[in-house]
Amino acid sequence: IVELFNSDVNKTSQLIFATHDTNLLSVKLLRRDQIDFVEKDKYGESH
């Protein structure tokens, strides 16, 4: 599915997703700027 959205077949659609699937963390699949992280600190605040 990620390959499909990242491909030339997809012209203008955007896919945003939350996941635990580390198999997608591949330089062949996603650029560095396509990967975000969320972390919660000891005060309960997410970043």
All heavy atoms as atom14 arrays in JSON, in Angstrom:
{
  "sequence": "IVELFNSDVNKTSQLIFATHDTNLLSVKLLRRDQIDFVEKDKYGESH",
  "atom14_mask": [
    [1, 1, 1, 1, 1, 1, 1, 1, 0, 0, 0, 0, 0, 0],
    [1, 1, 1, 1, 1, 1, 1, 0, 0, 0, 0, 0, 0, 0],
    [1, 1, 1, 1, 1, 1, 1, 1, 1, 0, 0, 0, 0, 0],
    [1, 1, 1, 1, 1, 1, 1, 1, 0, 0, 0, 0, 0, 0],
    [1, 1, 1, 1, 1, 1, 1, 1, 1, 1, 1, 0, 0, 0],
    [1, 1, 1, 1, 1, 1, 1, 1, 0, 0, 0, 0, 0, 0],
    [1, 1, 1, 1, 1, 1, 0, 0, 0, 0, 0, 0, 0, 0],
    [1, 1, 1, 1, 1, 1, 1, 1, 0, 0, 0, 0, 0, 0],
    [1, 1, 1, 1, 1, 1, 1, 0, 0, 0, 0, 0, 0, 0],
    [1, 1, 1, 1, 1, 1, 1, 1, 0, 0, 0, 0, 0, 0],
    [1, 1, 1, 1, 1, 1, 1, 1, 1, 0, 0, 0, 0, 0],
    [1, 1, 1, 1, 1, 1, 1, 0, 0, 0, 0, 0, 0, 0],
    [1, 1, 1, 1, 1, 1, 0, 0, 0, 0, 0, 0, 0, 0],
    [1, 1, 1, 1, 1, 1, 1, 1, 1, 0, 0, 0, 0, 0],
    [1, 1, 1, 1, 1, 1, 1, 1, 0, 0, 0, 0, 0, 0],
    [1, 1, 1, 1, 1, 1, 1, 1, 0, 0, 0, 0, 0, 0],
    [1, 1, 1, 1, 1, 1, 1, 1, 1, 1, 1, 0, 0, 0],
    [1, 1, 1, 1, 1, 0, 0, 0, 0, 0, 0, 0, 0, 0],
    [1, 1, 1, 1, 1, 1, 1, 0, 0, 0, 0, 0, 0, 0],
    [1, 1, 1, 1, 1, 1, 1, 1, 1, 1, 0, 0, 0, 0],
    [1, 1, 1, 1, 1, 1, 1, 1, 0, 0, 0, 0, 0, 0],
    [1, 1, 1, 1, 1, 1, 1, 0, 0, 0, 0, 0, 0, 0],
    [1, 1, 1, 1, 1, 1, 1, 1, 0, 0, 0, 0, 0, 0],
    [1, 1, 1, 1, 1, 1, 1, 1, 0, 0, 0, 0, 0, 0],
    [1, 1, 1, 1, 1, 1, 1, 1, 0, 0, 0, 0, 0, 0],
    [1, 1, 1, 1, 1, 1, 0, 0, 0, 0, 0, 0, 0, 0],
    [1, 1, 1, 1, 1, 1, 1, 0, 0, 0, 0, 0, 0, 0],
    [1, 1, 1, 1, 1, 1, 1, 1, 1, 0, 0, 0, 0, 0],
    [1, 1, 1, 1, 1, 1, 1, 1, 0, 0, 0, 0, 0, 0],
    [1, 1, 1, 1, 1, 1, 1, 1, 0, 0, 0, 0, 0, 0],
    [1, 1, 1, 1, 1, 1, 1, 1, 1, 1, 1, 0, 0, 0],
    [1, 1, 1, 1, 1, 1, 1, 1, 1, 1, 1, 0, 0, 0],
    [1, 1, 1, 1, 1, 1, 1, 1, 0, 0, 0, 0, 0, 0],
    [1, 1, 1, 1, 1, 1, 1, 1, 1, 0, 0, 0, 0, 0],
    [1, 1, 1, 1, 1, 1, 1, 1, 0, 0, 0, 0, 0, 0],
    [1, 1, 1, 1, 1, 1, 1, 1, 0, 0, 0, 0, 0, 0],
    [1, 1, 1, 1, 1, 1, 1, 1, 1, 1, 1, 0, 0, 0],
    [1, 1, 1, 1, 1, 1, 1, 0, 0, 0, 0, 0, 0, 0],
    [1, 1, 1, 1, 1, 1, 1, 1, 1, 0, 0, 0, 0, 0],
    [1, 1, 1, 1, 1, 1, 1, 1, 1, 0, 0, 0, 0, 0],
    [1, 1, 1, 1, 1, 1, 1, 1, 0, 0, 0, 0, 0, 0],
    [1, 1, 1, 1, 1, 1, 1, 1, 1, 0, 0, 0, 0, 0],
    [1, 1, 1, 1, 1, 1, 1, 1, 1, 1, 1, 1, 0, 0],
    [1, 1, 1, 1, 0, 0, 0, 0, 0, 0, 0, 0, 0, 0],
    [1, 1, 1, 1, 1, 1, 1, 1, 1, 0, 0, 0, 0, 0],
    [1, 1, 1, 1, 1, 1, 0, 0, 0, 0, 0, 0, 0, 0],
    [1, 1, 1, 1, 1, 1, 1, 1, 1, 1, 0, 0, 0, 0]
  ],
  "atom14_positions": [
    [[0.84, -1.2, 0.0], [0.0, 0.0, 0.0], [0.87, 1.25, 0.0], [0.62, 2.2, -0.75], [-0.95, -0.01, 1.21], [-1.97, -1.14, 1.07], [-1.68, 1.34, 1.34], [-2.83, -1.37, 2.3], [0.0, 0.0, 0.0], [0.0, 0.0, 0.0], [0.0, 0.0, 0.0], [0.0, 0.0, 0.0], [0.0, 0.0, 0.0], [0.0, 0.0, 0.0]],
    [[1.92, 1.27, 0.83], [2.83, 2.42, 0.86], [3.53, 2.58, -0.48], [3.66, 3.69, -1.0], [3.85, 2.27, 2.0], [4.9, 3.38, 1.94], [3.15, 2.29, 3.35], [0.0, 0.0, 0.0], [0.0, 0.0, 0.0], [0.0, 0.0, 0.0], [0.0, 0.0, 0.0], [0.0, 0.0, 0.0], [0.0, 0.0, 0.0], [0.0, 0.0, 0.0]],
    [[3.97, 1.48, -1.06], [4.6, 1.52, -2.39], [3.65, 2.11, -3.42], [4.07, 2.89, -4.28], [5.03, 0.11, -2.82], [6.27, -0.4, -2.13], [6.63, -1.82, -2.56], [5.73, -2.54, -3.07], [7.8, -2.23, -2.35], [0.0, 0.0, 0.0], [0.0, 0.0, 0.0], [0.0, 0.0, 0.0], [0.0, 0.0, 0.0], [0.0, 0.0, 0.0]],
    [[2.38, 1.75, -3.34], [1.38, 2.25, -4.29], [1.23, 3.76, -4.18], [1.23, 4.47, -5.19], [0.03, 1.56, -4.04], [-1.16, 2.0, -4.9], [-0.87, 1.76, -6.38], [-2.43, 1.28, -4.47], [0.0, 0.0, 0.0], [0.0, 0.0, 0.0], [0.0, 0.0, 0.0], [0.0, 0.0, 0.0], [0.0, 0.0, 0.0], [0.0, 0.0, 0.0]],
    [[1.13, 4.28, -2.95], [0.98, 5.72, -2.77], [2.26, 6.48, -3.13], [2.19, 7.62, -3.59], [0.57, 6.04, -1.33], [-0.9, 5.99, -1.11], [-1.53, 4.79, -0.82], [-1.68, 7.13, -1.2], [-2.9, 4.72, -0.63], [-3.05, 7.08, -1.0], [-3.66, 5.87, -0.72], [0.0, 0.0, 0.0], [0.0, 0.0, 0.0], [0.0, 0.0, 0.0]],
    [[3.4, 5.87, -2.94], [4.66, 6.53, -3.26], [5.02, 6.44, -4.74], [5.96, 7.1, -5.18], [5.8, 5.92, -2.43], [6.28, 6.87, -1.33], [5.87, 8.02, -1.23], [7.2, 6.39, -0.52], [0.0, 0.0, 0.0], [0.0, 0.0, 0.0], [0.0, 0.0, 0.0], [0.0, 0.0, 0.0], [0.0, 0.0, 0.0], [0.0, 0.0, 0.0]],
    [[4.29, 5.62, -5.5], [4.63, 5.36, -6.89], [4.16, 6.49, -7.82], [3.4, 7.37, -7.43], [4.02, 4.04, -7.35], [2.6, 4.18, -7.48], [0.0, 0.0, 0.0], [0.0, 0.0, 0.0], [0.0, 0.0, 0.0], [0.0, 0.0, 0.0], [0.0, 0.0, 0.0], [0.0, 0.0, 0.0], [0.0, 0.0, 0.0], [0.0, 0.0, 0.0]],
    [[4.61, 6.42, -9.08], [4.21, 7.39, -10.1], [2.74, 7.26, -10.49], [2.16, 8.17, -11.08], [5.09, 7.25, -11.34], [6.54, 7.65, -11.08], [6.78, 8.42, -10.12], [7.44, 7.17, -11.8], [0.0, 0.0, 0.0], [0.0, 0.0, 0.0], [0.0, 0.0, 0.0], [0.0, 0.0, 0.0], [0.0, 0.0, 0.0], [0.0, 0.0, 0.0]],
    [[2.15, 6.1, -10.17], [0.72, 5.9, -10.47], [-0.14, 6.89, -9.68], [-1.14, 7.4, -10.17], [0.29, 4.45, -10.13], [-1.22, 4.27, -10.3], [1.05, 3.46, -11.0], [0.0, 0.0, 0.0], [0.0, 0.0, 0.0], [0.0, 0.0, 0.0], [0.0, 0.0, 0.0], [0.0, 0.0, 0.0], [0.0, 0.0, 0.0], [0.0, 0.0, 0.0]],
    [[0.27, 7.17, -8.45], [-0.41, 8.14, -7.61], [0.06, 9.54, -7.97], [1.23, 9.87, -7.81], [-0.13, 7.85, -6.13], [-0.67, 8.94, -5.21], [-1.65, 9.61, -5.52], [-0.02, 9.1, -4.07], [0.0, 0.0, 0.0], [0.0, 0.0, 0.0], [0.0, 0.0, 0.0], [0.0, 0.0, 0.0], [0.0, 0.0, 0.0], [0.0, 0.0, 0.0]],
    [[-0.84, 10.37, -8.44], [-0.48, 11.7, -8.9], [-0.58, 12.77, -7.8], [0.32, 13.59, -7.65], [-1.38, 12.12, -10.07], [-1.34, 11.16, -11.25], [0.06, 11.01, -11.83], [0.07, 10.09, -13.05], [1.47, 9.85, -13.53], [0.0, 0.0, 0.0], [0.0, 0.0, 0.0], [0.0, 0.0, 0.0], [0.0, 0.0, 0.0], [0.0, 0.0, 0.0]],
    [[-1.67, 12.77, -7.03], [-1.9, 13.87, -6.09], [-2.36, 13.45, -4.7], [-2.5, 14.3, -3.81], [-2.94, 14.86, -6.66], [-4.15, 14.16, -6.94], [-2.43, 15.55, -7.91], [0.0, 0.0, 0.0], [0.0, 0.0, 0.0], [0.0, 0.0, 0.0], [0.0, 0.0, 0.0], [0.0, 0.0, 0.0], [0.0, 0.0, 0.0], [0.0, 0.0, 0.0]],
    [[-2.64, 12.18, -4.47], [-3.14, 11.75, -3.16], [-2.01, 11.65, -2.14], [-0.87, 11.34, -2.49], [-3.86, 10.41, -3.28], [-4.39, 10.02, -2.02], [0.0, 0.0, 0.0], [0.0, 0.0, 0.0], [0.0, 0.0, 0.0], [0.0, 0.0, 0.0], [0.0, 0.0, 0.0], [0.0, 0.0, 0.0], [0.0, 0.0, 0.0], [0.0, 0.0, 0.0]],
    [[-2.35, 11.91, -0.86], [-1.38, 11.82, 0.23], [-1.86, 10.83, 1.28], [-3.03, 10.83, 1.66], [-1.16, 13.2, 0.86], [-0.47, 14.2, -0.07], [-0.52, 15.61, 0.49], [-1.59, 16.21, 0.61], [0.63, 16.14, 0.84], [0.0, 0.0, 0.0], [0.0, 0.0, 0.0], [0.0, 0.0, 0.0], [0.0, 0.0, 0.0], [0.0, 0.0, 0.0]],
    [[-0.95, 10.01, 1.77], [-1.24, 9.01, 2.8], [-0.48, 9.36, 4.07], [0.74, 9.46, 4.07], [-0.84, 7.61, 2.31], [-0.83, 6.48, 3.36], [-2.24, 6.2, 3.87], [-0.2, 5.21, 2.78], [0.0, 0.0, 0.0], [0.0, 0.0, 0.0], [0.0, 0.0, 0.0], [0.0, 0.0, 0.0], [0.0, 0.0, 0.0], [0.0, 0.0, 0.0]],
    [[-1.21, 9.55, 5.16], [-0.63, 9.77, 6.48], [-1.08, 8.62, 7.37], [-2.26, 8.3, 7.42], [-1.1, 11.11, 7.09], [-0.7, 12.28, 6.18], [-0.54, 11.3, 8.49], [-1.38, 13.6, 6.54], [0.0, 0.0, 0.0], [0.0, 0.0, 0.0], [0.0, 0.0, 0.0], [0.0, 0.0, 0.0], [0.0, 0.0, 0.0], [0.0, 0.0, 0.0]],
    [[-0.14, 7.96, 8.04], [-0.54, 6.82, 8.84], [0.32, 6.68, 10.1], [1.5, 7.03, 10.12], [-0.47, 5.52, 8.03], [0.9, 5.18, 7.49], [1.75, 4.35, 8.18], [1.33, 5.69, 6.26], [3.01, 4.02, 7.68], [2.58, 5.37, 5.75], [3.42, 4.54, 6.45], [0.0, 0.0, 0.0], [0.0, 0.0, 0.0], [0.0, 0.0, 0.0]],
    [[-0.31, 6.18, 11.16], [0.38, 5.83, 12.4], [0.56, 4.33, 12.43], [-0.36, 3.58, 12.11], [-0.43, 6.3, 13.61], [0.0, 0.0, 0.0], [0.0, 0.0, 0.0], [0.0, 0.0, 0.0], [0.0, 0.0, 0.0], [0.0, 0.0, 0.0], [0.0, 0.0, 0.0], [0.0, 0.0, 0.0], [0.0, 0.0, 0.0], [0.0, 0.0, 0.0]],
    [[1.76, 3.87, 12.83], [2.05, 2.45, 12.73], [3.14, 2.02, 13.7], [3.91, 2.85, 14.2], [2.5, 2.1, 11.28], [2.73, 0.7, 11.16], [3.79, 2.84, 10.93], [0.0, 0.0, 0.0], [0.0, 0.0, 0.0], [0.0, 0.0, 0.0], [0.0, 0.0, 0.0], [0.0, 0.0, 0.0], [0.0, 0.0, 0.0], [0.0, 0.0, 0.0]],
    [[3.21, 0.7, 13.95], [4.33, 0.08, 14.66], [5.18, -0.78, 13.72], [6.18, -1.36, 14.15], [3.81, -0.82, 15.79], [3.21, -0.08, 16.94], [3.95, 0.69, 17.82], [1.94, 0.01, 17.37], [3.15, 1.21, 18.74], [1.93, 0.83, 18.5], [0.0, 0.0, 0.0], [0.0, 0.0, 0.0], [0.0, 0.0, 0.0], [0.0, 0.0, 0.0]],
    [[4.77, -0.89, 12.46], [5.4, -1.8, 11.52], [6.79, -1.29, 11.11], [6.92, -0.44, 10.22], [4.51, -1.97, 10.28], [5.02, -3.02, 9.31], [6.12, -3.59, 9.56], [4.34, -3.29, 8.29], [0.0, 0.0, 0.0], [0.0, 0.0, 0.0], [0.0, 0.0, 0.0], [0.0, 0.0, 0.0], [0.0, 0.0, 0.0], [0.0, 0.0, 0.0]],
    [[7.81, -1.82, 11.74], [9.18, -1.37, 11.47], [9.7, -1.85, 10.11], [10.73, -1.35, 9.64], [10.14, -1.84, 12.58], [10.12, -3.26, 12.67], [9.75, -1.23, 13.92], [0.0, 0.0, 0.0], [0.0, 0.0, 0.0], [0.0, 0.0, 0.0], [0.0, 0.0, 0.0], [0.0, 0.0, 0.0], [0.0, 0.0, 0.0], [0.0, 0.0, 0.0]],
    [[9.01, -2.8, 9.49], [9.42, -3.24, 8.16], [9.34, -2.11, 7.13], [10.01, -2.16, 6.1], [8.53, -4.4, 7.68], [8.75, -5.67, 8.47], [9.73, -6.37, 8.28], [7.82, -5.96, 9.38], [0.0, 0.0, 0.0], [0.0, 0.0, 0.0], [0.0, 0.0, 0.0], [0.0, 0.0, 0.0], [0.0, 0.0, 0.0], [0.0, 0.0, 0.0]],
    [[8.52, -1.11, 7.43], [8.38, 0.02, 6.51], [9.53, 1.02, 6.65], [9.67, 1.92, 5.82], [7.05, 0.74, 6.75], [5.78, -0.12, 6.63], [4.54, 0.7, 6.98], [5.65, -0.7, 5.23], [0.0, 0.0, 0.0], [0.0, 0.0, 0.0], [0.0, 0.0, 0.0], [0.0, 0.0, 0.0], [0.0, 0.0, 0.0], [0.0, 0.0, 0.0]],
    [[10.33, 0.86, 7.7], [11.45, 1.77, 7.93], [12.63, 1.37, 7.06], [13.68, 0.93, 7.52], [11.85, 1.77, 9.41], [10.88, 2.49, 10.36], [11.27, 2.24, 11.81], [10.88, 3.99, 10.07], [0.0, 0.0, 0.0], [0.0, 0.0, 0.0], [0.0, 0.0, 0.0], [0.0, 0.0, 0.0], [0.0, 0.0, 0.0], [0.0, 0.0, 0.0]],
    [[12.47, 1.54, 5.77], [13.49, 1.17, 4.8], [13.79, 2.36, 3.9], [12.88, 3.04, 3.42], [13.01, -0.01, 3.95], [13.84, -0.2, 2.82], [0.0, 0.0, 0.0], [0.0, 0.0, 0.0], [0.0, 0.0, 0.0], [0.0, 0.0, 0.0], [0.0, 0.0, 0.0], [0.0, 0.0, 0.0], [0.0, 0.0, 0.0], [0.0, 0.0, 0.0]],
    [[15.06, 2.59, 3.67], [15.47, 3.68, 2.79], [14.98, 3.46, 1.36], [14.84, 4.4, 0.59], [17.01, 3.84, 2.83], [17.7, 2.65, 2.17], [17.45, 5.16, 2.21], [0.0, 0.0, 0.0], [0.0, 0.0, 0.0], [0.0, 0.0, 0.0], [0.0, 0.0, 0.0], [0.0, 0.0, 0.0], [0.0, 0.0, 0.0], [0.0, 0.0, 0.0]],
    [[14.7, 2.2, 1.01], [14.19, 1.89, -0.32], [12.7, 2.22, -0.46], [12.18, 2.3, -1.56], [14.41, 0.41, -0.63], [15.88, 0.01, -0.73], [16.03, -1.46, -1.03], [17.5, -1.86, -1.13], [17.66, -3.32, -1.41], [0.0, 0.0, 0.0], [0.0, 0.0, 0.0], [0.0, 0.0, 0.0], [0.0, 0.0, 0.0], [0.0, 0.0, 0.0]],
    [[12.02, 2.38, 0.67], [10.58, 2.61, 0.66], [10.2, 4.04, 1.03], [9.37, 4.66, 0.36], [9.9, 1.63, 1.63], [8.37, 1.62, 1.66], [7.81, 1.19, 0.3], [7.87, 0.68, 2.76], [0.0, 0.0, 0.0], [0.0, 0.0, 0.0], [0.0, 0.0, 0.0], [0.0, 0.0, 0.0], [0.0, 0.0, 0.0], [0.0, 0.0, 0.0]],
    [[10.82, 4.56, 2.09], [10.48, 5.88, 2.59], [11.71, 6.79, 2.67], [12.79, 6.34, 3.06], [9.84, 5.79, 3.98], [8.46, 5.12, 4.07], [8.09, 4.89, 5.53], [7.39, 5.95, 3.4], [0.0, 0.0, 0.0], [0.0, 0.0, 0.0], [0.0, 0.0, 0.0], [0.0, 0.0, 0.0], [0.0, 0.0, 0.0], [0.0, 0.0, 0.0]],
    [[11.53, 8.03, 2.3], [12.57, 9.04, 2.49], [12.64, 9.42, 3.98], [11.71, 9.18, 4.74], [12.24, 10.29, 1.67], [12.19, 10.1, 0.17], [11.41, 11.19, -0.53], [11.65, 12.54, -0.05], [12.11, 13.53, -0.81], [12.37, 13.32, -2.09], [12.26, 14.74, -0.3], [0.0, 0.0, 0.0], [0.0, 0.0, 0.0], [0.0, 0.0, 0.0]],
    [[13.76, 10.03, 4.35], [13.92, 10.46, 5.74], [12.84, 11.46, 6.16], [12.37, 11.44, 7.3], [15.3, 11.08, 5.95], [16.41, 10.07, 6.17], [17.73, 10.76, 6.32], [18.26, 11.19, 5.03], [19.19, 12.11, 4.86], [19.68, 12.72, 5.9], [19.61, 12.41, 3.65], [0.0, 0.0, 0.0], [0.0, 0.0, 0.0], [0.0, 0.0, 0.0]],
    [[12.44, 12.33, 5.24], [11.44, 13.34, 5.59], [10.01, 12.78, 5.57], [9.06, 13.5, 5.89], [11.54, 14.56, 4.67], [11.52, 14.21, 3.18], [11.41, 13.01, 2.84], [11.63, 15.14, 2.35], [0.0, 0.0, 0.0], [0.0, 0.0, 0.0], [0.0, 0.0, 0.0], [0.0, 0.0, 0.0], [0.0, 0.0, 0.0], [0.0, 0.0, 0.0]],
    [[9.88, 11.49, 5.23], [8.57, 10.84, 5.28], [8.36, 10.05, 6.58], [7.33, 9.4, 6.74], [8.41, 9.88, 4.09], [8.28, 10.59, 2.74], [8.03, 9.61, 1.6], [8.78, 8.65, 1.39], [6.97, 9.84, 0.87], [0.0, 0.0, 0.0], [0.0, 0.0, 0.0], [0.0, 0.0, 0.0], [0.0, 0.0, 0.0], [0.0, 0.0, 0.0]],
    [[9.32, 10.15, 7.49], [9.25, 9.39, 8.74], [9.26, 10.35, 9.93], [10.2, 11.13, 10.1], [10.44, 8.41, 8.85], [10.42, 7.43, 7.66], [10.39, 7.66, 10.18], [11.69, 6.61, 7.54], [0.0, 0.0, 0.0], [0.0, 0.0, 0.0], [0.0, 0.0, 0.0], [0.0, 0.0, 0.0], [0.0, 0.0, 0.0], [0.0, 0.0, 0.0]],
    [[8.21, 10.29, 10.74], [8.12, 11.08, 11.96], [8.05, 10.16, 13.18], [7.64, 8.99, 13.08], [6.88, 11.98, 11.95], [7.07, 13.24, 11.12], [8.07, 13.32, 10.38], [6.23, 14.16, 11.21], [0.0, 0.0, 0.0], [0.0, 0.0, 0.0], [0.0, 0.0, 0.0], [0.0, 0.0, 0.0], [0.0, 0.0, 0.0], [0.0, 0.0, 0.0]],
    [[8.43, 10.71, 14.33], [8.38, 9.97, 15.59], [7.62, 10.77, 16.64], [7.62, 12.0, 16.61], [9.79, 9.67, 16.1], [10.64, 8.89, 15.15], [11.66, 9.5, 14.42], [10.43, 7.52, 14.97], [12.44, 8.77, 13.54], [11.2, 6.79, 14.09], [12.21, 7.41, 13.37], [0.0, 0.0, 0.0], [0.0, 0.0, 0.0], [0.0, 0.0, 0.0]],
    [[6.98, 10.04, 17.55], [6.3, 10.66, 18.69], [6.87, 10.05, 19.97], [6.97, 8.83, 20.08], [4.78, 10.43, 18.66], [4.11, 11.17, 19.83], [4.18, 10.9, 17.35], [0.0, 0.0, 0.0], [0.0, 0.0, 0.0], [0.0, 0.0, 0.0], [0.0, 0.0, 0.0], [0.0, 0.0, 0.0], [0.0, 0.0, 0.0], [0.0, 0.0, 0.0]],
    [[7.25, 10.91, 20.9], [7.79, 10.44, 22.17], [7.16, 11.24, 23.3], [6.98, 12.45, 23.2], [9.3, 10.59, 22.2], [9.96, 9.95, 23.4], [11.48, 9.89, 23.24], [12.11, 10.97, 23.2], [12.03, 8.78, 23.15], [0.0, 0.0, 0.0], [0.0, 0.0, 0.0], [0.0, 0.0, 0.0], [0.0, 0.0, 0.0], [0.0, 0.0, 0.0]],
    [[6.82, 10.56, 24.38], [6.23, 11.21, 25.54], [7.28, 11.34, 26.65], [7.96, 10.37, 26.97], [5.02, 10.42, 26.05], [4.23, 11.12, 27.17], [3.04, 10.29, 27.61], [1.92, 10.36, 26.6], [0.7, 9.64, 27.1], [0.0, 0.0, 0.0], [0.0, 0.0, 0.0], [0.0, 0.0, 0.0], [0.0, 0.0, 0.0], [0.0, 0.0, 0.0]],
    [[7.42, 12.55, 27.21], [8.42, 12.76, 28.25], [7.86, 12.42, 29.63], [6.7, 12.0, 29.77], [8.97, 14.19, 28.2], [7.91, 15.26, 28.48], [6.89, 14.95, 29.16], [8.08, 16.41, 28.03], [0.0, 0.0, 0.0], [0.0, 0.0, 0.0], [0.0, 0.0, 0.0], [0.0, 0.0, 0.0], [0.0, 0.0, 0.0], [0.0, 0.0, 0.0]],
    [[8.68, 12.59, 30.67], [8.29, 12.19, 32.02], [7.17, 13.06, 32.6], [6.58, 12.72, 33.63], [9.5, 12.22, 32.95], [10.12, 13.6, 33.15], [11.31, 13.51, 34.1], [11.94, 14.88, 34.34], [13.1, 14.79, 35.27], [0.0, 0.0, 0.0], [0.0, 0.0, 0.0], [0.0, 0.0, 0.0], [0.0, 0.0, 0.0], [0.0, 0.0, 0.0]],
    [[6.88, 14.19, 31.93], [5.8, 15.06, 32.38], [4.48, 14.77, 31.66], [3.51, 15.52, 31.8], [6.19, 16.53, 32.19], [7.48, 16.9, 32.88], [8.65, 17.08, 32.14], [7.53, 17.05, 34.26], [9.84, 17.41, 32.78], [8.72, 17.37, 34.91], [9.87, 17.54, 34.16], [11.05, 17.86, 34.79], [0.0, 0.0, 0.0], [0.0, 0.0, 0.0]],
    [[4.47, 13.67, 30.88], [3.25, 13.28, 30.17], [3.0, 14.05, 28.9], [1.91, 13.97, 28.32], [0.0, 0.0, 0.0], [0.0, 0.0, 0.0], [0.0, 0.0, 0.0], [0.0, 0.0, 0.0], [0.0, 0.0, 0.0], [0.0, 0.0, 0.0], [0.0, 0.0, 0.0], [0.0, 0.0, 0.0], [0.0, 0.0, 0.0], [0.0, 0.0, 0.0]],
    [[4.01, 14.79, 28.42], [3.85, 15.61, 27.22], [4.43, 14.9, 26.0], [5.56, 14.41, 26.03], [4.56, 16.96, 27.42], [4.43, 17.89, 26.22], [5.17, 19.2, 26.4], [5.64, 19.47, 27.53], [5.3, 19.96, 25.41], [0.0, 0.0, 0.0], [0.0, 0.0, 0.0], [0.0, 0.0, 0.0], [0.0, 0.0, 0.0], [0.0, 0.0, 0.0]],
    [[3.65, 14.83, 24.93], [4.09, 14.21, 23.68], [4.81, 15.23, 22.8], [4.46, 16.41, 22.77], [2.9, 13.64, 22.9], [2.27, 12.6, 23.61], [0.0, 0.0, 0.0], [0.0, 0.0, 0.0], [0.0, 0.0, 0.0], [0.0, 0.0, 0.0], [0.0, 0.0, 0.0], [0.0, 0.0, 0.0], [0.0, 0.0, 0.0], [0.0, 0.0, 0.0]],
    [[5.82, 14.72, 22.06], [6.6, 15.56, 21.15], [6.68, 14.86, 19.8], [7.01, 13.68, 19.72], [8.01, 15.81, 21.7], [8.03, 16.42, 23.07], [8.03, 17.79, 23.27], [8.03, 15.85, 24.31], [8.04, 18.02, 24.58], [8.04, 16.88, 25.23], [0.0, 0.0, 0.0], [0.0, 0.0, 0.0], [0.0, 0.0, 0.0], [0.0, 0.0, 0.0]]
  ]
}
